[in-house]
Amino acid sequence: MSVPALMSRTSFVELNARERARALLDVGSFRELLGPFDRIESPWLARQNIVPQADDGVVVARGTIGGVAAVVIAIEGAFQGGSTGEVSGAKIAGALELAAKDAEAGKPIRPVLVFETGGVRLQEANLGLAAMADVHAAVVALRAHVPVVGVIAGMIGCFGGMGITAGLVSRLIVTKQARLGLNGPEVIEQNAGVEELDSRDRPLIWSLTGGEQRHAVGLADDLVADDADALADAVRAAFDRGAPAEHASERIAFWRARLDRLPAAPEGMALRKLWTGDRP
């Protein structure tokens, strides 16, 4: 990216969840559902001396994308690391379920999930896990009717149960700053030791779970620069392409064949050489 282009762009990574949702929707079409003034917050955090947030860290916005009705669900990474609890999970699942009702009724709808999360909120334990299961079920039900597009920008990335959600969407868009995985590097280090994975080794972490790597090995569909306009264009293009012939989570034989060729301790570049070129 040239210096003038770099200076004139709007960084998507630096936007908060509400700004990200607005950036992806057509100009002037943003309308928030269950916003902060509705005071829908977790009933469990205050009991643990944690200050709750009035939208529980999830923004649900209606509007249009490319002139078609859309819903954008964006997770706020600055609140509890973007973790999903009972209320935030219900907001995500409920929005997806309402989108599915529109799709089933023949109404055009373009659903987008913007991830910035470490996964389930540990303070809400099983309630968060149950909410995550509802989100997974809602994505699978919705994608049977219309494409579901996911966006991971950074810097927290997308881990835990939401990492599974990202694997269920129809098309996944990432930036180089993004990260995608199941267990986060800090969790791996805590449980298996720094010899297994040094969470402070940023080049190593991004070589394994970074957006460029995930795109190179076929775990993300599009790699886009950190530019709000470019990401909005990529989202519109993803919907224009329509749903894939087969969703990634349905390609069981393909993934098994990949795993069969996997060395015991693969490095990032080794994976690129091994898997690049075998996209379905």
C-alpha atoms as a PDB file:
ATOM      1  CA  MET A   1       0.000   0.000   0.000  1.00  0.00           C
ATOM      2  CA  SER A   2       1.439   3.409  -0.987  1.00  0.00           C
ATOM      3  CA  VAL A   3       2.082   6.073   1.657  1.00  0.00           C
ATOM      4  CA  PRO A   4      -0.760   8.369   0.425  1.00  0.00           C
ATOM      5  CA  ALA A   5      -3.178   5.418   0.411  1.00  0.00           C
ATOM      6  CA  LEU A   6      -2.004   4.367   3.864  1.00  0.00           C
ATOM      7  CA  MET A   7      -2.536   7.865   5.232  1.00  0.00           C
ATOM      8  CA  SER A   8      -5.990   8.268   3.711  1.00  0.00           C
ATOM      9  CA  ARG A   9      -7.423   4.888   4.727  1.00  0.00           C
ATOM     10  CA  THR A  10      -9.607   4.212   7.757  1.00  0.00           C
ATOM     11  CA  SER A  11      -8.197   1.320   9.785  1.00  0.00           C
ATOM     12  CA  PHE A  12     -10.891  -1.282  10.450  1.00  0.00           C
ATOM     13  CA  VAL A  13      -8.782  -2.842  13.205  1.00  0.00           C
ATOM     14  CA  GLU A  14      -8.793   0.425  15.158  1.00  0.00           C
ATOM     15  CA  LEU A  15     -12.595   0.813  15.037  1.00  0.00           C
ATOM     16  CA  ASN A  16     -14.820  -0.313  17.893  1.00  0.00           C
ATOM     17  CA  ALA A  17     -17.640  -2.799  17.291  1.00  0.00           C
ATOM     18  CA  ARG A  18     -20.293  -0.143  16.633  1.00  0.00           C
ATOM     19  CA  GLU A  19     -18.040   1.660  14.161  1.00  0.00           C
ATOM     20  CA  ARG A  20     -17.212  -1.617  12.415  1.00  0.00           C
ATOM     21  CA  ALA A  21     -20.883  -2.439  11.934  1.00  0.00           C
ATOM     22  CA  ARG A  22     -21.542   1.036  10.565  1.00  0.00           C
ATOM     23  CA  ALA A  23     -18.558   0.770   8.199  1.00  0.00           C
ATOM     24  CA  LEU A  24     -19.841  -2.470   6.632  1.00  0.00           C
ATOM     25  CA  LEU A  25     -23.395  -1.231   6.086  1.00  0.00           C
ATOM     26  CA  ASP A  26     -24.399   1.131   3.291  1.00  0.00           C
ATOM     27  CA  VAL A  27     -23.962   4.780   4.254  1.00  0.00           C
ATOM     28  CA  GLY A  28     -26.907   6.095   6.253  1.00  0.00           C
ATOM     29  CA  SER A  29     -28.573   2.707   6.744  1.00  0.00           C
ATOM     30  CA  PHE A  30     -27.238   1.823  10.233  1.00  0.00           C
ATOM     31  CA  ARG A  31     -29.915   1.154  12.870  1.00  0.00           C
ATOM     32  CA  GLU A  32     -28.985  -0.537  16.135  1.00  0.00           C
ATOM     33  CA  LEU A  33     -31.142  -3.133  17.881  1.00  0.00           C
ATOM     34  CA  LEU A  34     -30.921  -3.641  21.666  1.00  0.00           C
ATOM     35  CA  GLY A  35     -28.375  -0.866  22.035  1.00  0.00           C
ATOM     36  CA  PRO A  36     -26.846   0.489  25.255  1.00  0.00           C
ATOM     37  CA  PHE A  37     -29.916   2.536  26.181  1.00  0.00           C
ATOM     38  CA  ASP A  38     -31.995  -0.656  26.307  1.00  0.00           C
ATOM     39  CA  ARG A  39     -29.819  -1.747  29.255  1.00  0.00           C
ATOM     40  CA  ILE A  40     -29.589  -5.402  28.249  1.00  0.00           C
ATOM     41  CA  GLU A  41     -26.613  -6.497  30.347  1.00  0.00           C
ATOM     42  CA  SER A  42     -25.287  -9.586  32.076  1.00  0.00           C
ATOM     43  CA  PRO A  43     -26.858 -10.266  35.488  1.00  0.00           C
ATOM     44  CA  TRP A  44     -23.827 -12.309  36.567  1.00  0.00           C
ATOM     45  CA  LEU A  45     -20.828  -9.987  36.308  1.00  0.00           C
ATOM     46  CA  ALA A  46     -21.704  -7.547  39.096  1.00  0.00           C
ATOM     47  CA  ARG A  47     -21.938 -10.485  41.516  1.00  0.00           C
ATOM     48  CA  GLN A  48     -18.262 -11.103  40.749  1.00  0.00           C
ATOM     49  CA  ASN A  49     -17.317  -7.435  41.179  1.00  0.00           C
ATOM     50  CA  ILE A  50     -17.051  -6.906  37.421  1.00  0.00           C
ATOM     51  CA  VAL A  51     -18.698  -3.821  35.953  1.00  0.00           C
ATOM     52  CA  PRO A  52     -21.180  -4.960  33.253  1.00  0.00           C
ATOM     53  CA  GLN A  53     -21.683  -3.199  29.928  1.00  0.00           C
ATOM     54  CA  ALA A  54     -25.136  -2.065  28.847  1.00  0.00           C
ATOM     55  CA  ASP A  55     -24.983  -3.926  25.512  1.00  0.00           C
ATOM     56  CA  ASP A  56     -22.959  -6.851  26.952  1.00  0.00           C
ATOM     57  CA  GLY A  57     -20.263  -6.296  24.352  1.00  0.00           C
ATOM     58  CA  VAL A  58     -22.277  -7.157  21.226  1.00  0.00           C
ATOM     59  CA  VAL A  59     -23.635  -4.707  18.651  1.00  0.00           C
ATOM     60  CA  VAL A  60     -26.545  -5.821  16.462  1.00  0.00           C
ATOM     61  CA  ALA A  61     -27.268  -3.469  13.579  1.00  0.00           C
ATOM     62  CA  ARG A  62     -29.805  -3.550  10.755  1.00  0.00           C
ATOM     63  CA  GLY A  63     -29.319  -1.763   7.468  1.00  0.00           C
ATOM     64  CA  THR A  64     -28.429  -2.613   3.909  1.00  0.00           C
ATOM     65  CA  ILE A  65     -25.363  -3.991   2.138  1.00  0.00           C
ATOM     66  CA  GLY A  66     -25.289  -3.320  -1.578  1.00  0.00           C
ATOM     67  CA  GLY A  67     -28.899  -2.180  -1.304  1.00  0.00           C
ATOM     68  CA  VAL A  68     -30.036  -5.512   0.189  1.00  0.00           C
ATOM     69  CA  ALA A  69     -31.394  -5.824   3.744  1.00  0.00           C
ATOM     70  CA  ALA A  70     -28.637  -6.870   6.121  1.00  0.00           C
ATOM     71  CA  VAL A  71     -27.816  -7.545   9.751  1.00  0.00           C
ATOM     72  CA  VAL A  72     -24.301  -7.009  11.102  1.00  0.00           C
ATOM     73  CA  ILE A  73     -23.365  -8.529  14.455  1.00  0.00           C
ATOM     74  CA  ALA A  74     -20.095  -7.142  15.820  1.00  0.00           C
ATOM     75  CA  ILE A  75     -18.339  -8.246  19.005  1.00  0.00           C
ATOM     76  CA  GLU A  76     -16.588  -5.602  21.124  1.00  0.00           C
ATOM     77  CA  GLY A  77     -13.123  -6.860  21.999  1.00  0.00           C
ATOM     78  CA  ALA A  78     -12.529  -4.067  24.508  1.00  0.00           C
ATOM     79  CA  PHE A  79     -15.171  -5.504  26.871  1.00  0.00           C
ATOM     80  CA  GLN A  80     -14.079  -8.686  28.651  1.00  0.00           C
ATOM     81  CA  GLY A  81     -11.879  -9.610  25.696  1.00  0.00           C
ATOM     82  CA  GLY A  82     -14.920  -9.981  23.479  1.00  0.00           C
ATOM     83  CA  SER A  83     -15.969 -13.043  25.467  1.00  0.00           C
ATOM     84  CA  THR A  84     -19.439 -14.491  24.968  1.00  0.00           C
ATOM     85  CA  GLY A  85     -21.794 -14.827  27.917  1.00  0.00           C
ATOM     86  CA  GLU A  86     -25.474 -15.577  28.350  1.00  0.00           C
ATOM     87  CA  VAL A  87     -26.779 -12.193  27.181  1.00  0.00           C
ATOM     88  CA  SER A  88     -24.269 -11.481  24.403  1.00  0.00           C
ATOM     89  CA  GLY A  89     -24.683 -15.020  23.091  1.00  0.00           C
ATOM     90  CA  ALA A  90     -28.469 -14.639  23.128  1.00  0.00           C
ATOM     91  CA  LYS A  91     -28.178 -11.400  21.162  1.00  0.00           C
ATOM     92  CA  ILE A  92     -26.035 -13.088  18.502  1.00  0.00           C
ATOM     93  CA  ALA A  93     -28.161 -16.232  18.256  1.00  0.00           C
ATOM     94  CA  GLY A  94     -31.417 -14.274  18.336  1.00  0.00           C
ATOM     95  CA  ALA A  95     -30.324 -11.968  15.523  1.00  0.00           C
ATOM     96  CA  LEU A  96     -29.289 -14.946  13.399  1.00  0.00           C
ATOM     97  CA  GLU A  97     -32.574 -16.736  14.114  1.00  0.00           C
ATOM     98  CA  LEU A  98     -34.576 -13.655  13.073  1.00  0.00           C
ATOM     99  CA  ALA A  99     -32.505 -13.467   9.890  1.00  0.00           C
ATOM    100  CA  ALA A 100     -33.341 -17.121   9.226  1.00  0.00           C
ATOM    101  CA  LYS A 101     -37.067 -16.346   9.556  1.00  0.00           C
ATOM    102  CA  ASP A 102     -36.692 -13.629   6.932  1.00  0.00           C
ATOM    103  CA  ALA A 103     -34.774 -15.986   4.657  1.00  0.00           C
ATOM    104  CA  GLU A 104     -37.319 -18.767   5.087  1.00  0.00           C
ATOM    105  CA  ALA A 105     -40.062 -16.288   4.155  1.00  0.00           C
ATOM    106  CA  GLY A 106     -38.226 -15.449   0.949  1.00  0.00           C
ATOM    107  CA  LYS A 107     -37.010 -12.039   2.102  1.00  0.00           C
ATOM    108  CA  PRO A 108     -33.441 -11.192   1.036  1.00  0.00           C
ATOM    109  CA  ILE A 109     -31.072 -10.841   3.993  1.00  0.00           C
ATOM    110  CA  ARG A 110     -27.305 -10.481   4.240  1.00  0.00           C
ATOM    111  CA  PRO A 111     -25.970 -11.581   7.675  1.00  0.00           C
ATOM    112  CA  VAL A 112     -22.423 -10.645   8.753  1.00  0.00           C
ATOM    113  CA  LEU A 113     -20.529 -11.712  11.889  1.00  0.00           C
ATOM    114  CA  VAL A 114     -17.591  -9.511  12.908  1.00  0.00           C
ATOM    115  CA  PHE A 115     -15.399 -11.458  15.325  1.00  0.00           C
ATOM    116  CA  GLU A 116     -13.146 -10.003  18.017  1.00  0.00           C
ATOM    117  CA  THR A 117     -13.220 -12.546  20.788  1.00  0.00           C
ATOM    118  CA  GLY A 118     -11.352 -14.977  22.963  1.00  0.00           C
ATOM    119  CA  GLY A 119     -14.384 -17.281  23.113  1.00  0.00           C
ATOM    120  CA  VAL A 120     -16.687 -18.189  26.002  1.00  0.00           C
ATOM    121  CA  ARG A 121     -16.796 -15.827  29.001  1.00  0.00           C
ATOM    122  CA  LEU A 122     -15.294 -17.882  31.802  1.00  0.00           C
ATOM    123  CA  GLN A 123     -17.195 -15.949  34.492  1.00  0.00           C
ATOM    124  CA  GLU A 124     -20.451 -17.300  33.049  1.00  0.00           C
ATOM    125  CA  ALA A 125     -19.208 -20.847  32.455  1.00  0.00           C
ATOM    126  CA  ASN A 126     -21.971 -23.196  31.295  1.00  0.00           C
ATOM    127  CA  LEU A 127     -24.295 -20.319  30.422  1.00  0.00           C
ATOM    128  CA  GLY A 128     -21.719 -19.088  27.937  1.00  0.00           C
ATOM    129  CA  LEU A 129     -21.215 -22.582  26.544  1.00  0.00           C
ATOM    130  CA  ALA A 130     -24.960 -23.028  26.077  1.00  0.00           C
ATOM    131  CA  ALA A 131     -25.175 -19.671  24.319  1.00  0.00           C
ATOM    132  CA  MET A 132     -22.301 -20.687  22.029  1.00  0.00           C
ATOM    133  CA  ALA A 133     -24.151 -23.857  21.071  1.00  0.00           C
ATOM    134  CA  ASP A 134     -27.179 -21.724  20.157  1.00  0.00           C
ATOM    135  CA  VAL A 135     -24.963 -19.528  17.978  1.00  0.00           C
ATOM    136  CA  HIS A 136     -23.516 -22.550  16.161  1.00  0.00           C
ATOM    137  CA  ALA A 137     -26.972 -23.989  15.527  1.00  0.00           C
ATOM    138  CA  ALA A 138     -28.262 -20.631  14.298  1.00  0.00           C
ATOM    139  CA  VAL A 139     -25.390 -20.212  11.806  1.00  0.00           C
ATOM    140  CA  VAL A 140     -25.912 -23.691  10.366  1.00  0.00           C
ATOM    141  CA  ALA A 141     -29.681 -23.159  10.066  1.00  0.00           C
ATOM    142  CA  LEU A 142     -29.255 -19.750   8.425  1.00  0.00           C
ATOM    143  CA  ARG A 143     -26.581 -20.730   5.912  1.00  0.00           C
ATOM    144  CA  ALA A 144     -28.983 -23.291   4.449  1.00  0.00           C
ATOM    145  CA  HIS A 145     -30.911 -20.328   3.032  1.00  0.00           C
ATOM    146  CA  VAL A 146     -28.437 -17.469   2.522  1.00  0.00           C
ATOM    147  CA  PRO A 147     -24.659 -17.020   2.770  1.00  0.00           C
ATOM    148  CA  VAL A 148     -23.333 -16.058   6.196  1.00  0.00           C
ATOM    149  CA  VAL A 149     -20.171 -13.939   5.974  1.00  0.00           C
ATOM    150  CA  GLY A 150     -17.589 -13.689   8.756  1.00  0.00           C
ATOM    151  CA  VAL A 151     -14.930 -11.009   9.250  1.00  0.00           C
ATOM    152  CA  ILE A 152     -11.869 -11.262  11.527  1.00  0.00           C
ATOM    153  CA  ALA A 153      -9.785  -8.108  11.692  1.00  0.00           C
ATOM    154  CA  GLY A 154      -7.643  -8.115  14.862  1.00  0.00           C
ATOM    155  CA  MET A 155      -6.000  -7.556  17.222  1.00  0.00           C
ATOM    156  CA  ILE A 156      -7.629 -10.028  19.637  1.00  0.00           C
ATOM    157  CA  GLY A 157      -8.649 -12.297  16.784  1.00  0.00           C
ATOM    158  CA  CYS A 158     -11.104 -15.157  17.069  1.00  0.00           C
ATOM    159  CA  PHE A 159     -10.594 -18.109  19.425  1.00  0.00           C
ATOM    160  CA  GLY A 160     -12.468 -20.650  21.506  1.00  0.00           C
ATOM    161  CA  GLY A 161     -16.048 -21.466  20.624  1.00  0.00           C
ATOM    162  CA  MET A 162     -16.186 -18.492  18.274  1.00  0.00           C
ATOM    163  CA  GLY A 163     -13.270 -20.027  16.396  1.00  0.00           C
ATOM    164  CA  ILE A 164     -15.676 -22.871  15.666  1.00  0.00           C
ATOM    165  CA  THR A 165     -18.325 -20.345  14.616  1.00  0.00           C
ATOM    166  CA  ALA A 166     -15.853 -18.836  12.147  1.00  0.00           C
ATOM    167  CA  GLY A 167     -15.396 -22.309  10.682  1.00  0.00           C
ATOM    168  CA  LEU A 168     -19.150 -22.608  10.117  1.00  0.00           C
ATOM    169  CA  VAL A 169     -19.719 -19.431   8.095  1.00  0.00           C
ATOM    170  CA  SER A 170     -20.164 -19.531   4.324  1.00  0.00           C
ATOM    171  CA  ARG A 171     -17.245 -17.204   3.573  1.00  0.00           C
ATOM    172  CA  LEU A 172     -14.563 -15.892   5.908  1.00  0.00           C
ATOM    173  CA  ILE A 173     -12.664 -12.630   5.357  1.00  0.00           C
ATOM    174  CA  VAL A 174      -9.473 -11.848   7.299  1.00  0.00           C
ATOM    175  CA  THR A 175      -6.773  -9.196   7.511  1.00  0.00           C
ATOM    176  CA  LYS A 176      -3.048  -9.840   8.081  1.00  0.00           C
ATOM    177  CA  GLN A 177      -3.550  -8.576  11.633  1.00  0.00           C
ATOM    178  CA  ALA A 178      -6.249 -11.175  12.335  1.00  0.00           C
ATOM    179  CA  ARG A 179      -5.724 -14.411  14.211  1.00  0.00           C
ATOM    180  CA  LEU A 180      -7.879 -17.527  14.151  1.00  0.00           C
ATOM    181  CA  GLY A 181      -7.662 -20.637  16.275  1.00  0.00           C
ATOM    182  CA  LEU A 182      -9.340 -22.818  18.862  1.00  0.00           C
ATOM    183  CA  ASN A 183      -7.038 -22.417  21.864  1.00  0.00           C
ATOM    184  CA  GLY A 184      -5.365 -19.038  22.220  1.00  0.00           C
ATOM    185  CA  PRO A 185      -1.569 -18.908  22.657  1.00  0.00           C
ATOM    186  CA  GLU A 186      -1.829 -17.788  26.290  1.00  0.00           C
ATOM    187  CA  VAL A 187      -4.072 -20.762  27.082  1.00  0.00           C
ATOM    188  CA  ILE A 188      -1.674 -23.183  25.388  1.00  0.00           C
ATOM    189  CA  GLU A 189       1.294 -21.738  27.254  1.00  0.00           C
ATOM    190  CA  GLN A 190      -0.545 -21.849  30.583  1.00  0.00           C
ATOM    191  CA  ASN A 191      -1.522 -25.491  30.190  1.00  0.00           C
ATOM    192  CA  ALA A 192       1.443 -26.966  28.297  1.00  0.00           C
ATOM    193  CA  GLY A 193       4.283 -24.615  29.176  1.00  0.00           C
ATOM    194  CA  VAL A 194       6.330 -22.049  27.328  1.00  0.00           C
ATOM    195  CA  GLU A 195       8.345 -24.850  25.698  1.00  0.00           C
ATOM    196  CA  GLU A 196       5.185 -25.825  23.821  1.00  0.00           C
ATOM    197  CA  LEU A 197       4.289 -22.289  22.760  1.00  0.00           C
ATOM    198  CA  ASP A 198       5.697 -18.911  23.794  1.00  0.00           C
ATOM    199  CA  SER A 199       2.729 -16.537  23.735  1.00  0.00           C
ATOM    200  CA  ARG A 200       5.099 -13.528  23.630  1.00  0.00           C
ATOM    201  CA  ASP A 201       6.698 -14.670  20.369  1.00  0.00           C
ATOM    202  CA  ARG A 202       4.559 -12.589  18.032  1.00  0.00           C
ATOM    203  CA  PRO A 203       6.210 -13.695  14.751  1.00  0.00           C
ATOM    204  CA  LEU A 204       5.682 -17.331  15.767  1.00  0.00           C
ATOM    205  CA  ILE A 205       2.056 -16.769  16.790  1.00  0.00           C
ATOM    206  CA  TRP A 206       1.143 -14.974  13.565  1.00  0.00           C
ATOM    207  CA  SER A 207       3.012 -17.578  11.495  1.00  0.00           C
ATOM    208  CA  LEU A 208       0.664 -20.188  12.956  1.00  0.00           C
ATOM    209  CA  THR A 209      -2.668 -18.430  13.458  1.00  0.00           C
ATOM    210  CA  GLY A 210      -2.347 -15.081  11.648  1.00  0.00           C
ATOM    211  CA  GLY A 211      -4.715 -14.025   8.889  1.00  0.00           C
ATOM    212  CA  GLU A 212      -2.139 -14.322   6.114  1.00  0.00           C
ATOM    213  CA  GLN A 213      -1.284 -17.868   7.187  1.00  0.00           C
ATOM    214  CA  ARG A 214      -4.915 -18.933   7.592  1.00  0.00           C
ATOM    215  CA  HIS A 215      -5.699 -17.628   4.107  1.00  0.00           C
ATOM    216  CA  ALA A 216      -2.610 -19.262   2.604  1.00  0.00           C
ATOM    217  CA  VAL A 217      -3.597 -22.713   3.886  1.00  0.00           C
ATOM    218  CA  GLY A 218      -7.256 -22.348   2.877  1.00  0.00           C
ATOM    219  CA  LEU A 219      -8.859 -21.732   6.257  1.00  0.00           C
ATOM    220  CA  ALA A 220     -10.020 -18.246   5.191  1.00  0.00           C
ATOM    221  CA  ASP A 221     -11.508 -17.266   1.837  1.00  0.00           C
ATOM    222  CA  ASP A 222     -10.265 -13.698   1.384  1.00  0.00           C
ATOM    223  CA  LEU A 223      -7.268 -11.748   2.688  1.00  0.00           C
ATOM    224  CA  VAL A 224      -7.959  -8.005   2.726  1.00  0.00           C
ATOM    225  CA  ALA A 225      -5.887  -4.993   3.783  1.00  0.00           C
ATOM    226  CA  ASP A 226      -6.780  -3.241   7.031  1.00  0.00           C
ATOM    227  CA  ASP A 227      -9.002  -0.683   5.350  1.00  0.00           C
ATOM    228  CA  ALA A 228     -12.659  -0.143   6.243  1.00  0.00           C
ATOM    229  CA  ASP A 229     -13.675   0.560   2.634  1.00  0.00           C
ATOM    230  CA  ALA A 230     -11.769  -2.476   1.339  1.00  0.00           C
ATOM    231  CA  LEU A 231     -13.441  -4.730   3.905  1.00  0.00           C
ATOM    232  CA  ALA A 232     -16.878  -3.353   3.065  1.00  0.00           C
ATOM    233  CA  ASP A 233     -16.164  -4.055  -0.621  1.00  0.00           C
ATOM    234  CA  ALA A 234     -15.009  -7.584   0.248  1.00  0.00           C
ATOM    235  CA  VAL A 235     -18.192  -8.260   2.215  1.00  0.00           C
ATOM    236  CA  ARG A 236     -20.370  -7.081  -0.670  1.00  0.00           C
ATOM    237  CA  ALA A 237     -18.351  -9.205  -3.103  1.00  0.00           C
ATOM    238  CA  ALA A 238     -18.718 -12.253  -0.848  1.00  0.00           C
ATOM    239  CA  PHE A 239     -22.494 -11.950  -0.935  1.00  0.00           C
ATOM    240  CA  ASP A 240     -22.474 -11.332  -4.683  1.00  0.00           C
ATOM    241  CA  ARG A 241     -20.615 -14.647  -5.153  1.00  0.00           C
ATOM    242  CA  GLY A 242     -23.370 -16.446  -3.275  1.00  0.00           C
ATOM    243  CA  ALA A 243     -23.062 -19.517  -1.087  1.00  0.00           C
ATOM    244  CA  PRO A 244     -20.269 -22.021  -1.795  1.00  0.00           C
ATOM    245  CA  ALA A 245     -21.199 -25.330  -3.390  1.00  0.00           C
ATOM    246  CA  GLU A 246     -20.132 -26.978  -0.145  1.00  0.00           C
ATOM    247  CA  HIS A 247     -19.403 -25.303   3.194  1.00  0.00           C
ATOM    248  CA  ALA A 248     -15.980 -25.853   4.739  1.00  0.00           C
ATOM    249  CA  SER A 249     -17.442 -27.677   7.740  1.00  0.00           C
ATOM    250  CA  GLU A 250     -19.131 -30.165   5.394  1.00  0.00           C
ATOM    251  CA  ARG A 251     -15.913 -31.196   3.587  1.00  0.00           C
ATOM    252  CA  ILE A 252     -15.131 -34.072   5.946  1.00  0.00           C
ATOM    253  CA  ALA A 253     -13.163 -36.216   3.462  1.00  0.00           C
ATOM    254  CA  PHE A 254     -11.109 -33.214   2.352  1.00  0.00           C
ATOM    255  CA  TRP A 255     -10.028 -32.313   5.888  1.00  0.00           C
ATOM    256  CA  ARG A 256      -9.311 -35.941   6.811  1.00  0.00           C
ATOM    257  CA  ALA A 257      -7.040 -36.273   3.801  1.00  0.00           C
ATOM    258  CA  ARG A 258      -5.197 -33.128   4.890  1.00  0.00           C
ATOM    259  CA  LEU A 259      -4.764 -34.366   8.439  1.00  0.00           C
ATOM    260  CA  ASP A 260      -3.417 -37.690   7.175  1.00  0.00           C
ATOM    261  CA  ARG A 261      -0.553 -35.777   5.505  1.00  0.00           C
ATOM    262  CA  LEU A 262       0.173 -33.650   8.545  1.00  0.00           C
ATOM    263  CA  PRO A 263       3.643 -34.028  10.154  1.00  0.00           C
ATOM    264  CA  ALA A 264       3.885 -34.434  13.920  1.00  0.00           C
ATOM    265  CA  ALA A 265       4.975 -30.842  14.612  1.00  0.00           C
ATOM    266  CA  PRO A 266       4.294 -28.730  11.518  1.00  0.00           C
ATOM    267  CA  GLU A 267       5.687 -25.213  11.211  1.00  0.00           C
ATOM    268  CA  GLY A 268       3.829 -22.385   9.515  1.00  0.00           C
ATOM    269  CA  MET A 269       5.758 -22.350   6.253  1.00  0.00           C
ATOM    270  CA  ALA A 270       5.752 -26.157   6.114  1.00  0.00           C
ATOM    271  CA  LEU A 271       1.965 -26.082   6.231  1.00  0.00           C
ATOM    272  CA  ARG A 272       1.882 -23.598   3.364  1.00  0.00           C
ATOM    273  CA  LYS A 273       4.006 -25.882   1.220  1.00  0.00           C
ATOM    274  CA  LEU A 274       1.941 -28.903   2.228  1.00  0.00           C
ATOM    275  CA  TRP A 275      -1.562 -27.465   1.829  1.00  0.00           C
ATOM    276  CA  THR A 276      -1.337 -24.562  -0.623  1.00  0.00           C
ATOM    277  CA  GLY A 277      -2.831 -25.534  -3.956  1.00  0.00           C
ATOM    278  CA  ASP A 278      -5.215 -28.208  -2.678  1.00  0.00           C
ATOM    279  CA  ARG A 279      -8.167 -25.918  -2.036  1.00  0.00           C
ATOM    280  CA  PRO A 280     -11.442 -27.580  -3.079  1.00  0.00           C
END
